[in-house]
């Protein structure tokens, strides 16, 4: 199967968004809902397709707007089917209602993490709606299913329903692993709070490495931002999180007790806007893992301390 990268958008911390045209039948992660991204996508597809109607599916690896933003528009133009992992599909399928629920969930999570009220308000009010339809028909995908010849792999962690797509020679990763940026875990999908999102993400990394042909380099890893990912990068992401866990524990040891927000500021400094949610959420994910390992305890008011031996 042929896989062609179409760079569609830029300006995000993660780097340029990458859409992928697979076998001239499937477009993975069309990109953010901007006119410049739409123009880039159209130009890329015109260079590869005889007609836009050749597309059968628009598949999104996860619900974030920089990946699903153009999916409804492209699907309508091509008369194609939008498909996503079953846990993320509702966030696009019922966008308007799910967005309101997400903002409430995000606010509740940040309060639980100790984020000050004024910061919570700023994050929620700064979360502008994307120019997406209130509702979009979306086909749900499950692990092991095939869609137009692509195998669906559940790769959760960054979001609850993140999926990757596999051919014999290529693995389209979305944001499961990126070449230069570490995907956020904990703050990037607050549905994962209380479910050990870090442990889930580490299992995803292990699953990717265990995939036949990945470690040897026989399978090309195609990320949602940038061009390719080396297998060593997946190992490095695991090592990064091991080190981050140690840093969170060390920061907590210097205090009697602390909230995730306290420790996030110790580790990352001042946090504003979306970074407040991401920073506190990531520390919370590491604390949850440490709590499951019996290293820390969650005390009254959501404050953590080192567990008594």
C-alpha atoms as a PDB file:
ATOM      1  CA  UNK A   1       0.000   0.000   0.000  1.00  0.00           C
ATOM      2  CA  UNK A   2       1.287   3.466  -0.836  1.00  0.00           C
ATOM      3  CA  UNK A   3       1.467   6.081   1.914  1.00  0.00           C
ATOM      4  CA  UNK A   4       2.015   9.721   0.941  1.00  0.00           C
ATOM      5  CA  UNK A   5       2.579  12.478   3.502  1.00  0.00           C
ATOM      6  CA  UNK A   6       0.729  15.758   2.937  1.00  0.00           C
ATOM      7  CA  UNK A   7       2.005  18.609   5.189  1.00  0.00           C
ATOM      8  CA  UNK A   8      -1.110  20.614   6.035  1.00  0.00           C
ATOM      9  CA  UNK A   9      -0.518  23.013   8.896  1.00  0.00           C
ATOM     10  CA  UNK A  10       2.118  24.638  11.033  1.00  0.00           C
ATOM     11  CA  UNK A  11       2.664  26.853  14.030  1.00  0.00           C
ATOM     12  CA  UNK A  12       1.876  24.340  16.762  1.00  0.00           C
ATOM     13  CA  UNK A  13       4.481  23.425  19.406  1.00  0.00           C
ATOM     14  CA  UNK A  14       4.456  19.876  18.083  1.00  0.00           C
ATOM     15  CA  UNK A  15       5.436  20.975  14.560  1.00  0.00           C
ATOM     16  CA  UNK A  16       3.788  20.834  11.152  1.00  0.00           C
ATOM     17  CA  UNK A  17       0.688  18.659  10.986  1.00  0.00           C
ATOM     18  CA  UNK A  18       1.019  15.649   8.711  1.00  0.00           C
ATOM     19  CA  UNK A  19      -1.908  14.147   6.838  1.00  0.00           C
ATOM     20  CA  UNK A  20      -1.399  10.809   5.107  1.00  0.00           C
ATOM     21  CA  UNK A  21      -2.984   9.568   1.899  1.00  0.00           C
ATOM     22  CA  UNK A  22      -3.076   5.769   1.913  1.00  0.00           C
ATOM     23  CA  UNK A  23      -3.569   3.876  -1.337  1.00  0.00           C
ATOM     24  CA  UNK A  24      -5.480   6.853  -2.765  1.00  0.00           C
ATOM     25  CA  UNK A  25      -8.487   5.659  -0.729  1.00  0.00           C
ATOM     26  CA  UNK A  26      -7.954   6.864   2.828  1.00  0.00           C
ATOM     27  CA  UNK A  27      -6.867  10.226   4.220  1.00  0.00           C
ATOM     28  CA  UNK A  28      -5.594  10.093   7.798  1.00  0.00           C
ATOM     29  CA  UNK A  29      -5.706  13.215  10.013  1.00  0.00           C
ATOM     30  CA  UNK A  30      -6.687  15.957   7.528  1.00  0.00           C
ATOM     31  CA  UNK A  31      -5.531  18.734   9.845  1.00  0.00           C
ATOM     32  CA  UNK A  32      -6.682  21.890  11.648  1.00  0.00           C
ATOM     33  CA  UNK A  33      -9.811  23.807  10.603  1.00  0.00           C
ATOM     34  CA  UNK A  34      -8.033  26.726   8.928  1.00  0.00           C
ATOM     35  CA  UNK A  35      -8.180  28.025   5.374  1.00  0.00           C
ATOM     36  CA  UNK A  36      -4.418  27.700   4.959  1.00  0.00           C
ATOM     37  CA  UNK A  37      -4.530  24.049   6.029  1.00  0.00           C
ATOM     38  CA  UNK A  38      -7.465  23.416   3.688  1.00  0.00           C
ATOM     39  CA  UNK A  39      -5.543  24.955   0.802  1.00  0.00           C
ATOM     40  CA  UNK A  40      -2.466  22.848   1.605  1.00  0.00           C
ATOM     41  CA  UNK A  41      -4.589  19.721   1.836  1.00  0.00           C
ATOM     42  CA  UNK A  42      -6.354  20.406  -1.460  1.00  0.00           C
ATOM     43  CA  UNK A  43      -3.063  21.038  -3.237  1.00  0.00           C
ATOM     44  CA  UNK A  44      -1.562  17.845  -1.859  1.00  0.00           C
ATOM     45  CA  UNK A  45      -4.551  15.735  -2.828  1.00  0.00           C
ATOM     46  CA  UNK A  46      -4.825  17.247  -6.301  1.00  0.00           C
ATOM     47  CA  UNK A  47      -1.226  16.184  -6.925  1.00  0.00           C
ATOM     48  CA  UNK A  48      -2.005  12.570  -5.993  1.00  0.00           C
ATOM     49  CA  UNK A  49      -5.635  11.894  -6.920  1.00  0.00           C
ATOM     50  CA  UNK A  50      -7.427  11.903 -10.234  1.00  0.00           C
ATOM     51  CA  UNK A  51     -10.571  12.990  -8.388  1.00  0.00           C
ATOM     52  CA  UNK A  52     -11.394  13.832  -4.778  1.00  0.00           C
ATOM     53  CA  UNK A  53     -14.264  11.368  -5.022  1.00  0.00           C
ATOM     54  CA  UNK A  54     -11.651   8.576  -5.058  1.00  0.00           C
ATOM     55  CA  UNK A  55     -11.419   8.983  -1.275  1.00  0.00           C
ATOM     56  CA  UNK A  56     -13.500   6.454   0.630  1.00  0.00           C
ATOM     57  CA  UNK A  57     -12.544   7.251   4.228  1.00  0.00           C
ATOM     58  CA  UNK A  58     -11.296  10.143   6.318  1.00  0.00           C
ATOM     59  CA  UNK A  59      -9.784   8.527   9.410  1.00  0.00           C
ATOM     60  CA  UNK A  60      -8.748  10.540  12.473  1.00  0.00           C
ATOM     61  CA  UNK A  61      -6.318   9.158  15.037  1.00  0.00           C
ATOM     62  CA  UNK A  62      -7.836  11.202  17.880  1.00  0.00           C
ATOM     63  CA  UNK A  63     -10.273  13.991  18.675  1.00  0.00           C
ATOM     64  CA  UNK A  64      -7.962  17.030  18.918  1.00  0.00           C
ATOM     65  CA  UNK A  65      -8.942  19.836  16.563  1.00  0.00           C
ATOM     66  CA  UNK A  66      -5.580  19.981  14.793  1.00  0.00           C
ATOM     67  CA  UNK A  67      -6.270  16.438  13.569  1.00  0.00           C
ATOM     68  CA  UNK A  68     -10.055  16.301  13.062  1.00  0.00           C
ATOM     69  CA  UNK A  69     -10.628  19.942  12.139  1.00  0.00           C
ATOM     70  CA  UNK A  70     -10.936  19.406   8.385  1.00  0.00           C
ATOM     71  CA  UNK A  71     -12.530  15.949   8.550  1.00  0.00           C
ATOM     72  CA  UNK A  72     -16.179  17.012   8.116  1.00  0.00           C
ATOM     73  CA  UNK A  73     -15.315  19.426   5.304  1.00  0.00           C
ATOM     74  CA  UNK A  74     -13.203  16.887   3.427  1.00  0.00           C
ATOM     75  CA  UNK A  75     -15.715  14.083   3.913  1.00  0.00           C
ATOM     76  CA  UNK A  76     -18.497  16.246   2.524  1.00  0.00           C
ATOM     77  CA  UNK A  77     -16.406  17.342  -0.465  1.00  0.00           C
ATOM     78  CA  UNK A  78     -15.357  13.765  -1.282  1.00  0.00           C
ATOM     79  CA  UNK A  79     -18.562  12.017  -0.181  1.00  0.00           C
ATOM     80  CA  UNK A  80     -16.360   9.944   2.126  1.00  0.00           C
ATOM     81  CA  UNK A  81     -16.944   8.367   5.538  1.00  0.00           C
ATOM     82  CA  UNK A  82     -15.367   9.825   8.684  1.00  0.00           C
ATOM     83  CA  UNK A  83     -14.037   7.169  11.071  1.00  0.00           C
ATOM     84  CA  UNK A  84     -12.357   7.310  14.504  1.00  0.00           C
ATOM     85  CA  UNK A  85     -11.590   5.101  17.480  1.00  0.00           C
ATOM     86  CA  UNK A  86     -14.803   4.319  19.336  1.00  0.00           C
ATOM     87  CA  UNK A  87     -13.883   6.214  22.519  1.00  0.00           C
ATOM     88  CA  UNK A  88     -12.928   9.421  20.703  1.00  0.00           C
ATOM     89  CA  UNK A  89     -15.626   9.304  18.022  1.00  0.00           C
ATOM     90  CA  UNK A  90     -18.347  10.989  20.141  1.00  0.00           C
ATOM     91  CA  UNK A  91     -16.252  14.135  20.589  1.00  0.00           C
ATOM     92  CA  UNK A  92     -16.560  14.847  16.861  1.00  0.00           C
ATOM     93  CA  UNK A  93     -19.863  13.084  16.192  1.00  0.00           C
ATOM     94  CA  UNK A  94     -21.664  15.212  18.796  1.00  0.00           C
ATOM     95  CA  UNK A  95     -19.220  18.111  18.876  1.00  0.00           C
ATOM     96  CA  UNK A  96     -21.409  20.867  20.341  1.00  0.00           C
ATOM     97  CA  UNK A  97     -22.724  18.876  23.308  1.00  0.00           C
ATOM     98  CA  UNK A  98     -19.437  17.069  23.922  1.00  0.00           C
ATOM     99  CA  UNK A  99     -17.514  20.350  23.898  1.00  0.00           C
ATOM    100  CA  UNK A 100     -19.659  21.741  26.712  1.00  0.00           C
ATOM    101  CA  UNK A 101     -19.226  18.524  28.678  1.00  0.00           C
ATOM    102  CA  UNK A 102     -15.478  18.638  28.072  1.00  0.00           C
ATOM    103  CA  UNK A 103     -15.147  22.193  29.378  1.00  0.00           C
ATOM    104  CA  UNK A 104     -17.009  21.233  32.553  1.00  0.00           C
ATOM    105  CA  UNK A 105     -14.828  18.141  32.910  1.00  0.00           C
ATOM    106  CA  UNK A 106     -11.634  20.129  32.315  1.00  0.00           C
ATOM    107  CA  UNK A 107     -12.622  22.687  34.948  1.00  0.00           C
ATOM    108  CA  UNK A 108     -13.428  19.985  37.503  1.00  0.00           C
ATOM    109  CA  UNK A 109     -10.121  18.242  36.816  1.00  0.00           C
ATOM    110  CA  UNK A 110      -8.097  21.425  37.233  1.00  0.00           C
ATOM    111  CA  UNK A 111      -9.851  22.230  40.508  1.00  0.00           C
ATOM    112  CA  UNK A 112      -9.040  18.711  41.747  1.00  0.00           C
ATOM    113  CA  UNK A 113      -5.407  19.266  40.747  1.00  0.00           C
ATOM    114  CA  UNK A 114      -5.216  22.433  42.844  1.00  0.00           C
ATOM    115  CA  UNK A 115      -5.179  24.927  39.974  1.00  0.00           C
ATOM    116  CA  UNK A 116      -6.294  28.358  41.278  1.00  0.00           C
ATOM    117  CA  UNK A 117      -9.800  29.458  40.362  1.00  0.00           C
ATOM    118  CA  UNK A 118      -8.668  32.446  38.295  1.00  0.00           C
ATOM    119  CA  UNK A 119      -6.354  30.223  36.244  1.00  0.00           C
ATOM    120  CA  UNK A 120      -9.118  27.653  35.716  1.00  0.00           C
ATOM    121  CA  UNK A 121     -11.447  30.403  34.520  1.00  0.00           C
ATOM    122  CA  UNK A 122      -8.813  31.751  32.133  1.00  0.00           C
ATOM    123  CA  UNK A 123      -8.178  28.307  30.645  1.00  0.00           C
ATOM    124  CA  UNK A 124     -11.870  27.556  30.124  1.00  0.00           C
ATOM    125  CA  UNK A 125     -12.692  30.994  28.722  1.00  0.00           C
ATOM    126  CA  UNK A 126      -9.670  30.813  26.429  1.00  0.00           C
ATOM    127  CA  UNK A 127     -10.828  27.505  24.955  1.00  0.00           C
ATOM    128  CA  UNK A 128     -12.518  28.825  21.827  1.00  0.00           C
ATOM    129  CA  UNK A 129     -14.874  26.593  19.843  1.00  0.00           C
ATOM    130  CA  UNK A 130     -13.515  25.180  16.603  1.00  0.00           C
ATOM    131  CA  UNK A 131     -15.432  25.896  13.375  1.00  0.00           C
ATOM    132  CA  UNK A 132     -16.872  22.389  13.298  1.00  0.00           C
ATOM    133  CA  UNK A 133     -20.454  21.230  12.701  1.00  0.00           C
ATOM    134  CA  UNK A 134     -22.516  20.627  15.837  1.00  0.00           C
ATOM    135  CA  UNK A 135     -22.822  17.005  14.707  1.00  0.00           C
ATOM    136  CA  UNK A 136     -21.010  14.838  12.154  1.00  0.00           C
ATOM    137  CA  UNK A 137     -21.679  11.226  11.123  1.00  0.00           C
ATOM    138  CA  UNK A 138     -18.707   9.205  12.415  1.00  0.00           C
ATOM    139  CA  UNK A 139     -18.029   5.488  12.089  1.00  0.00           C
ATOM    140  CA  UNK A 140     -16.487   3.988  15.232  1.00  0.00           C
ATOM    141  CA  UNK A 141     -13.380   1.824  14.921  1.00  0.00           C
ATOM    142  CA  UNK A 142     -12.177  -0.896  17.289  1.00  0.00           C
ATOM    143  CA  UNK A 143      -8.847  -2.599  17.824  1.00  0.00           C
ATOM    144  CA  UNK A 144      -8.002  -5.159  15.153  1.00  0.00           C
ATOM    145  CA  UNK A 145     -10.596  -3.903  12.697  1.00  0.00           C
ATOM    146  CA  UNK A 146      -9.586  -3.111   9.130  1.00  0.00           C
ATOM    147  CA  UNK A 147     -10.762  -0.045   7.257  1.00  0.00           C
ATOM    148  CA  UNK A 148      -9.997   0.060   3.529  1.00  0.00           C
ATOM    149  CA  UNK A 149      -7.107  -2.331   4.159  1.00  0.00           C
ATOM    150  CA  UNK A 150      -5.661  -0.466   7.157  1.00  0.00           C
ATOM    151  CA  UNK A 151      -5.423  -2.281  10.481  1.00  0.00           C
ATOM    152  CA  UNK A 152      -6.678  -0.314  13.475  1.00  0.00           C
ATOM    153  CA  UNK A 153      -4.484  -0.369  16.598  1.00  0.00           C
ATOM    154  CA  UNK A 154      -5.758   1.126  19.825  1.00  0.00           C
ATOM    155  CA  UNK A 155      -2.944   3.324  21.172  1.00  0.00           C
ATOM    156  CA  UNK A 156      -4.493   5.285  24.077  1.00  0.00           C
ATOM    157  CA  UNK A 157      -2.736   7.580  26.513  1.00  0.00           C
ATOM    158  CA  UNK A 158      -2.579  10.957  24.810  1.00  0.00           C
ATOM    159  CA  UNK A 159      -6.356  10.619  24.490  1.00  0.00           C
ATOM    160  CA  UNK A 160      -8.673   7.906  25.737  1.00  0.00           C
ATOM    161  CA  UNK A 161      -9.549   6.667  22.260  1.00  0.00           C
ATOM    162  CA  UNK A 162      -6.388   7.327  20.266  1.00  0.00           C
ATOM    163  CA  UNK A 163      -5.749   4.874  17.425  1.00  0.00           C
ATOM    164  CA  UNK A 164      -2.902   4.223  15.007  1.00  0.00           C
ATOM    165  CA  UNK A 165      -3.254   2.728  11.519  1.00  0.00           C
ATOM    166  CA  UNK A 166      -1.034  -0.020  10.149  1.00  0.00           C
ATOM    167  CA  UNK A 167      -0.035  -1.399   6.771  1.00  0.00           C
ATOM    168  CA  UNK A 168       2.610  -4.097   6.315  1.00  0.00           C
ATOM    169  CA  UNK A 169       5.338  -1.465   5.913  1.00  0.00           C
ATOM    170  CA  UNK A 170       3.988   1.656   7.642  1.00  0.00           C
ATOM    171  CA  UNK A 171       2.511   2.631  10.988  1.00  0.00           C
ATOM    172  CA  UNK A 172       0.644   5.956  11.070  1.00  0.00           C
ATOM    173  CA  UNK A 173       1.007   7.067  14.683  1.00  0.00           C
ATOM    174  CA  UNK A 174      -0.993  10.256  15.118  1.00  0.00           C
ATOM    175  CA  UNK A 175       0.281  11.711  18.387  1.00  0.00           C
ATOM    176  CA  UNK A 176       1.164   8.377  20.004  1.00  0.00           C
ATOM    177  CA  UNK A 177       4.836   9.227  19.387  1.00  0.00           C
ATOM    178  CA  UNK A 178       6.357  12.373  17.898  1.00  0.00           C
ATOM    179  CA  UNK A 179       9.898  13.043  16.650  1.00  0.00           C
ATOM    180  CA  UNK A 180      10.747  16.153  18.693  1.00  0.00           C
ATOM    181  CA  UNK A 181       7.869  16.799  21.107  1.00  0.00           C
ATOM    182  CA  UNK A 182       6.653  14.663  23.987  1.00  0.00           C
ATOM    183  CA  UNK A 183       2.904  14.004  23.721  1.00  0.00           C
ATOM    184  CA  UNK A 184       1.075  15.242  26.795  1.00  0.00           C
ATOM    185  CA  UNK A 185      -0.495  12.647  29.052  1.00  0.00           C
ATOM    186  CA  UNK A 186      -3.050  13.569  31.693  1.00  0.00           C
ATOM    187  CA  UNK A 187      -3.996  17.080  30.624  1.00  0.00           C
ATOM    188  CA  UNK A 188      -4.627  16.378  26.953  1.00  0.00           C
ATOM    189  CA  UNK A 189      -7.805  14.403  27.707  1.00  0.00           C
ATOM    190  CA  UNK A 190      -9.284  14.828  31.175  1.00  0.00           C
ATOM    191  CA  UNK A 191     -11.538  11.815  30.636  1.00  0.00           C
ATOM    192  CA  UNK A 192      -8.457   9.790  31.580  1.00  0.00           C
ATOM    193  CA  UNK A 193      -8.264  11.253  35.108  1.00  0.00           C
ATOM    194  CA  UNK A 194      -8.281   8.455  37.658  1.00  0.00           C
ATOM    195  CA  UNK A 195      -7.585   5.735  35.076  1.00  0.00           C
ATOM    196  CA  UNK A 196      -3.763   5.681  35.248  1.00  0.00           C
ATOM    197  CA  UNK A 197      -3.235   7.462  31.909  1.00  0.00           C
ATOM    198  CA  UNK A 198       0.545   7.302  32.233  1.00  0.00           C
ATOM    199  CA  UNK A 199       0.457   3.540  32.697  1.00  0.00           C
ATOM    200  CA  UNK A 200      -1.848   3.302  29.701  1.00  0.00           C
ATOM    201  CA  UNK A 201       0.512   5.394  27.596  1.00  0.00           C
ATOM    202  CA  UNK A 202       3.555   3.348  28.609  1.00  0.00           C
ATOM    203  CA  UNK A 203       1.673   0.213  27.543  1.00  0.00           C
ATOM    204  CA  UNK A 204       1.015   1.896  24.194  1.00  0.00           C
ATOM    205  CA  UNK A 205       4.730   2.580  23.727  1.00  0.00           C
ATOM    206  CA  UNK A 206       5.505  -1.040  24.574  1.00  0.00           C
ATOM    207  CA  UNK A 207       2.881  -2.209  22.100  1.00  0.00           C
ATOM    208  CA  UNK A 208       4.359  -0.076  19.347  1.00  0.00           C
ATOM    209  CA  UNK A 209       7.858  -1.411  19.980  1.00  0.00           C
ATOM    210  CA  UNK A 210       6.578  -4.992  20.036  1.00  0.00           C
ATOM    211  CA  UNK A 211       4.948  -4.579  16.627  1.00  0.00           C
ATOM    212  CA  UNK A 212       6.722  -6.763  14.066  1.00  0.00           C
ATOM    213  CA  UNK A 213       9.233  -4.763  12.040  1.00  0.00           C
ATOM    214  CA  UNK A 214       9.255  -1.665  14.247  1.00  0.00           C
ATOM    215  CA  UNK A 215      12.504  -2.140  16.176  1.00  0.00           C
ATOM    216  CA  UNK A 216      14.331  -3.385  13.076  1.00  0.00           C
ATOM    217  CA  UNK A 217      13.230  -0.361  11.074  1.00  0.00           C
ATOM    218  CA  UNK A 218      11.417  -2.485   8.488  1.00  0.00           C
ATOM    219  CA  UNK A 219       8.224  -0.602   9.347  1.00  0.00           C
ATOM    220  CA  UNK A 220       8.251   3.161   8.778  1.00  0.00           C
ATOM    221  CA  UNK A 221       6.752   5.163  11.653  1.00  0.00           C
ATOM    222  CA  UNK A 222       4.735   8.155  10.435  1.00  0.00           C
ATOM    223  CA  UNK A 223       3.794  10.721  13.124  1.00  0.00           C
ATOM    224  CA  UNK A 224       0.988  13.266  13.200  1.00  0.00           C
ATOM    225  CA  UNK A 225       3.572  16.057  13.286  1.00  0.00           C
ATOM    226  CA  UNK A 226       6.800  15.881  11.303  1.00  0.00           C
ATOM    227  CA  UNK A 227       7.943  13.220   8.862  1.00  0.00           C
ATOM    228  CA  UNK A 228       9.149  10.054  10.602  1.00  0.00           C
ATOM    229  CA  UNK A 229       9.890   8.664  14.058  1.00  0.00           C
ATOM    230  CA  UNK A 230      12.882   6.433  14.798  1.00  0.00           C
ATOM    231  CA  UNK A 231      12.275   3.356  16.982  1.00  0.00           C
ATOM    232  CA  UNK A 232      14.870   4.763  19.391  1.00  0.00           C
ATOM    233  CA  UNK A 233      12.579   7.746  19.907  1.00  0.00           C
ATOM    234  CA  UNK A 234       9.896   5.480  21.369  1.00  0.00           C
ATOM    235  CA  UNK A 235      12.449   4.124  23.837  1.00  0.00           C
ATOM    236  CA  UNK A 236      13.460   7.711  24.608  1.00  0.00           C
ATOM    237  CA  UNK A 237       9.846   8.676  25.330  1.00  0.00           C
ATOM    238  CA  UNK A 238       9.655   5.866  27.852  1.00  0.00           C
ATOM    239  CA  UNK A 239      12.892   7.026  29.437  1.00  0.00           C
ATOM    240  CA  UNK A 240      11.591  10.595  29.513  1.00  0.00           C
ATOM    241  CA  UNK A 241       8.574   9.537  31.548  1.00  0.00           C
ATOM    242  CA  UNK A 242      10.687   7.443  33.914  1.00  0.00           C
ATOM    243  CA  UNK A 243      12.839  10.510  34.553  1.00  0.00           C
ATOM    244  CA  UNK A 244       9.778  12.755  34.935  1.00  0.00           C
ATOM    245  CA  UNK A 245       8.363  10.374  37.534  1.00  0.00           C
ATOM    246  CA  UNK A 246      11.628  10.586  39.487  1.00  0.00           C
ATOM    247  CA  UNK A 247      11.552  14.391  39.292  1.00  0.00           C
ATOM    248  CA  UNK A 248       7.967  14.511  40.553  1.00  0.00           C
ATOM    249  CA  UNK A 249       8.891  12.278  43.503  1.00  0.00           C
ATOM    250  CA  UNK A 250      11.964  14.399  44.300  1.00  0.00           C
ATOM    251  CA  UNK A 251       9.918  17.598  44.156  1.00  0.00           C
ATOM    252  CA  UNK A 252       7.341  16.100  46.510  1.00  0.00           C
ATOM    253  CA  UNK A 253      10.046  14.951  48.931  1.00  0.00           C
ATOM    254  CA  UNK A 254      11.110  18.587  49.346  1.00  0.00           C
ATOM    255  CA  UNK A 255       7.629  19.444  50.654  1.00  0.00           C
ATOM    256  CA  UNK A 256       5.429  18.093  53.411  1.00  0.00           C
ATOM    257  CA  UNK A 257       2.535  17.820  50.989  1.00  0.00           C
ATOM    258  CA  UNK A 258       1.578  19.313  47.636  1.00  0.00           C
ATOM    259  CA  UNK A 259      -1.047  19.408  44.904  1.00  0.00           C
ATOM    260  CA  UNK A 260      -0.269  18.516  41.298  1.00  0.00           C
ATOM    261  CA  UNK A 261      -0.395  22.248  40.554  1.00  0.00           C
ATOM    262  CA  UNK A 262       2.220  22.993  43.238  1.00  0.00           C
ATOM    263  CA  UNK A 263       4.579  20.417  41.786  1.00  0.00           C
ATOM    264  CA  UNK A 264       3.898  21.467  38.197  1.00  0.00           C
ATOM    265  CA  UNK A 265       5.047  24.976  39.049  1.00  0.00           C
ATOM    266  CA  UNK A 266       8.098  23.570  40.833  1.00  0.00           C
ATOM    267  CA  UNK A 267       9.012  21.598  37.708  1.00  0.00           C
ATOM    268  CA  UNK A 268       7.894  23.881  34.890  1.00  0.00           C
ATOM    269  CA  UNK A 269       7.745  27.388  36.367  1.00  0.00           C
ATOM    270  CA  UNK A 270       4.888  29.761  35.564  1.00  0.00           C
ATOM    271  CA  UNK A 271       2.096  28.116  33.589  1.00  0.00           C
ATOM    272  CA  UNK A 272      -0.567  30.003  31.671  1.00  0.00           C
ATOM    273  CA  UNK A 273      -3.435  29.127  29.355  1.00  0.00           C
ATOM    274  CA  UNK A 274      -3.583  25.596  28.033  1.00  0.00           C
ATOM    275  CA  UNK A 275      -0.154  24.881  29.554  1.00  0.00           C
ATOM    276  CA  UNK A 276      -1.676  25.183  33.032  1.00  0.00           C
ATOM    277  CA  UNK A 277      -4.006  22.288  32.243  1.00  0.00           C
ATOM    278  CA  UNK A 278      -1.321  20.271  30.478  1.00  0.00           C
ATOM    279  CA  UNK A 279       1.307  20.820  33.179  1.00  0.00           C
ATOM    280  CA  UNK A 280      -0.941  20.051  36.143  1.00  0.00           C
ATOM    281  CA  UNK A 281      -2.480  17.104  34.312  1.00  0.00           C
ATOM    282  CA  UNK A 282       0.859  15.547  33.471  1.00  0.00           C
ATOM    283  CA  UNK A 283       2.096  15.829  37.061  1.00  0.00           C
ATOM    284  CA  UNK A 284      -1.216  14.358  38.250  1.00  0.00           C
ATOM    285  CA  UNK A 285      -0.691  11.397  35.913  1.00  0.00           C
ATOM    286  CA  UNK A 286       2.772  10.769  37.374  1.00  0.00           C
ATOM    287  CA  UNK A 287       1.456  11.100  40.928  1.00  0.00           C
ATOM    288  CA  UNK A 288      -1.307   8.627  40.173  1.00  0.00           C
ATOM    289  CA  UNK A 289       1.276   6.126  38.916  1.00  0.00           C
ATOM    290  CA  UNK A 290       3.401   6.685  42.040  1.00  0.00           C
ATOM    291  CA  UNK A 291       0.307   6.207  44.197  1.00  0.00           C
ATOM    292  CA  UNK A 292      -0.498   2.905  42.474  1.00  0.00           C
ATOM    293  CA  UNK A 293       3.092   1.836  43.173  1.00  0.00           C
ATOM    294  CA  UNK A 294       2.656   2.705  46.861  1.00  0.00           C
ATOM    295  CA  UNK A 295       5.251   5.504  46.785  1.00  0.00           C
ATOM    296  CA  UNK A 296       2.902   8.424  47.483  1.00  0.00           C
ATOM    297  CA  UNK A 297      -0.478   8.885  49.131  1.00  0.00           C
ATOM    298  CA  UNK A 298      -3.315  11.190  48.142  1.00  0.00           C
ATOM    299  CA  UNK A 299      -4.452  13.019  51.230  1.00  0.00           C
ATOM    300  CA  UNK A 300      -7.426  15.206  52.076  1.00  0.00           C
ATOM    301  CA  UNK A 301      -8.125  17.975  49.585  1.00  0.00           C
ATOM    302  CA  UNK A 302      -6.268  16.258  46.753  1.00  0.00           C
ATOM    303  CA  UNK A 303      -2.865  16.916  48.296  1.00  0.00           C
ATOM    304  CA  UNK A 304      -0.141  14.309  47.977  1.00  0.00           C
ATOM    305  CA  UNK A 305       2.588  13.212  50.342  1.00  0.00           C
ATOM    306  CA  UNK A 306       5.272  10.538  50.429  1.00  0.00           C
ATOM    307  CA  UNK A 307       3.768   7.281  51.710  1.00  0.00           C
ATOM    308  CA  UNK A 308       4.795   6.043  55.142  1.00  0.00           C
ATOM    309  CA  UNK A 309       6.982   2.969  54.933  1.00  0.00           C
END
